[in-house]
Amino acid sequence: MISFVSTRLEIREKEKEAAAVQAQYEEQCAENERLHNVIDGGDESEYMERVAREKLGYVMPDEKVYYDITPSN
């Protein structure tokens, strides 16, 4: 009986891991699609702006950025 419960807990943990990996896979597929669109003649400047904002934290001149620092309880 203990073995059954232990095995069931392991299965649940593996299912959670599989869901996390699946979400990461889908996110990477979406990013790959965006990159393919840029390569195929998409708007390269839009892509560059998005990367600058999201990955590098850049903002446009005279642009004001507000950060929400309230605790998320």
C-alpha atoms as a PDB file:
ATOM      1  CA  MET A   1       0.000   0.000   0.000  1.00  0.00           C
ATOM      2  CA  ILE A   2       2.825   2.419   0.866  1.00  0.00           C
ATOM      3  CA  SER A   3       4.467   1.615  -2.443  1.00  0.00           C
ATOM      4  CA  PHE A   4       1.258   2.484  -4.291  1.00  0.00           C
ATOM      5  CA  VAL A   5       0.957   5.875  -2.559  1.00  0.00           C
ATOM      6  CA  SER A   6       4.615   6.640  -3.179  1.00  0.00           C
ATOM      7  CA  THR A   7       4.283   5.721  -6.834  1.00  0.00           C
ATOM      8  CA  ARG A   8       1.168   7.886  -7.181  1.00  0.00           C
ATOM      9  CA  LEU A   9       3.003  10.880  -5.700  1.00  0.00           C
ATOM     10  CA  GLU A  10       5.870  10.356  -8.139  1.00  0.00           C
ATOM     11  CA  ILE A  11       3.383  10.236 -11.028  1.00  0.00           C
ATOM     12  CA  ARG A  12       1.817  13.540  -9.965  1.00  0.00           C
ATOM     13  CA  GLU A  13       5.250  15.167  -9.713  1.00  0.00           C
ATOM     14  CA  LYS A  14       6.198  13.923 -13.175  1.00  0.00           C
ATOM     15  CA  GLU A  15       2.896  15.181 -14.585  1.00  0.00           C
ATOM     16  CA  LYS A  16       3.652  18.653 -13.184  1.00  0.00           C
ATOM     17  CA  GLU A  17       7.129  18.546 -14.720  1.00  0.00           C
ATOM     18  CA  ALA A  18       5.668  17.466 -18.063  1.00  0.00           C
ATOM     19  CA  ALA A  19       3.178  20.350 -18.000  1.00  0.00           C
ATOM     20  CA  ALA A  20       5.978  22.836 -17.290  1.00  0.00           C
ATOM     21  CA  VAL A  21       8.083  21.450 -20.139  1.00  0.00           C
ATOM     22  CA  GLN A  22       5.073  21.554 -22.486  1.00  0.00           C
ATOM     23  CA  ALA A  23       4.452  25.220 -21.630  1.00  0.00           C
ATOM     24  CA  GLN A  24       8.120  26.030 -22.239  1.00  0.00           C
ATOM     25  CA  TYR A  25       7.978  24.163 -25.561  1.00  0.00           C
ATOM     26  CA  GLU A  26       4.904  26.098 -26.700  1.00  0.00           C
ATOM     27  CA  GLU A  27       6.510  29.399 -25.713  1.00  0.00           C
ATOM     28  CA  GLN A  28       9.629  28.533 -27.700  1.00  0.00           C
ATOM     29  CA  CYS A  29       7.535  27.525 -30.716  1.00  0.00           C
ATOM     30  CA  ALA A  30       5.779  30.908 -30.603  1.00  0.00           C
ATOM     31  CA  GLU A  31       9.138  32.694 -30.441  1.00  0.00           C
ATOM     32  CA  ASN A  32      10.425  30.622 -33.354  1.00  0.00           C
ATOM     33  CA  GLU A  33       7.355  31.592 -35.382  1.00  0.00           C
ATOM     34  CA  ARG A  34       7.953  35.283 -34.652  1.00  0.00           C
ATOM     35  CA  LEU A  35      11.581  34.930 -35.717  1.00  0.00           C
ATOM     36  CA  HIS A  36      10.578  33.156 -38.927  1.00  0.00           C
ATOM     37  CA  ASN A  37       8.215  36.036 -39.706  1.00  0.00           C
ATOM     38  CA  VAL A  38      11.062  38.518 -39.248  1.00  0.00           C
ATOM     39  CA  ILE A  39      13.317  36.460 -41.507  1.00  0.00           C
ATOM     40  CA  ASP A  40      10.585  36.126 -44.147  1.00  0.00           C
ATOM     41  CA  GLY A  41      10.286  39.877 -44.522  1.00  0.00           C
ATOM     42  CA  GLY A  42       8.411  40.828 -41.394  1.00  0.00           C
ATOM     43  CA  ASP A  43       8.896  44.117 -39.648  1.00  0.00           C
ATOM     44  CA  GLU A  44      12.453  43.915 -38.367  1.00  0.00           C
ATOM     45  CA  SER A  45      12.283  47.273 -36.595  1.00  0.00           C
ATOM     46  CA  GLU A  46       9.269  46.107 -34.577  1.00  0.00           C
ATOM     47  CA  TYR A  47      11.176  43.000 -33.537  1.00  0.00           C
ATOM     48  CA  MET A  48      14.262  45.037 -32.573  1.00  0.00           C
ATOM     49  CA  GLU A  49      12.107  47.397 -30.487  1.00  0.00           C
ATOM     50  CA  ARG A  50      10.434  44.494 -28.692  1.00  0.00           C
ATOM     51  CA  VAL A  51      13.782  42.886 -27.867  1.00  0.00           C
ATOM     52  CA  ALA A  52      15.194  46.211 -26.678  1.00  0.00           C
ATOM     53  CA  ARG A  53      12.218  46.762 -24.387  1.00  0.00           C
ATOM     54  CA  GLU A  54      11.759  43.228 -23.034  1.00  0.00           C
ATOM     55  CA  LYS A  55      15.299  41.919 -22.798  1.00  0.00           C
ATOM     56  CA  LEU A  56      17.394  45.065 -22.405  1.00  0.00           C
ATOM     57  CA  GLY A  57      14.966  47.333 -20.554  1.00  0.00           C
ATOM     58  CA  TYR A  58      15.275  50.225 -23.025  1.00  0.00           C
ATOM     59  CA  VAL A  59      12.623  52.932 -23.315  1.00  0.00           C
ATOM     60  CA  MET A  60      11.912  55.642 -25.866  1.00  0.00           C
ATOM     61  CA  PRO A  61      13.146  59.197 -25.186  1.00  0.00           C
ATOM     62  CA  ASP A  62      10.732  61.163 -22.970  1.00  0.00           C
ATOM     63  CA  GLU A  63       8.815  57.957 -22.218  1.00  0.00           C
ATOM     64  CA  LYS A  64       7.816  57.395 -18.598  1.00  0.00           C
ATOM     65  CA  VAL A  65       7.843  53.866 -17.250  1.00  0.00           C
ATOM     66  CA  TYR A  66       6.023  52.955 -14.050  1.00  0.00           C
ATOM     67  CA  TYR A  67       6.707  49.815 -12.052  1.00  0.00           C
ATOM     68  CA  ASP A  68       4.156  48.272  -9.731  1.00  0.00           C
ATOM     69  CA  ILE A  69       6.031  47.499  -6.506  1.00  0.00           C
ATOM     70  CA  THR A  70       3.029  46.584  -4.387  1.00  0.00           C
ATOM     71  CA  PRO A  71       3.126  43.092  -2.888  1.00  0.00           C
ATOM     72  CA  SER A  72       1.059  40.591  -4.840  1.00  0.00           C
ATOM     73  CA  ASN A  73      -0.855  38.806  -2.091  1.00  0.00           C
END
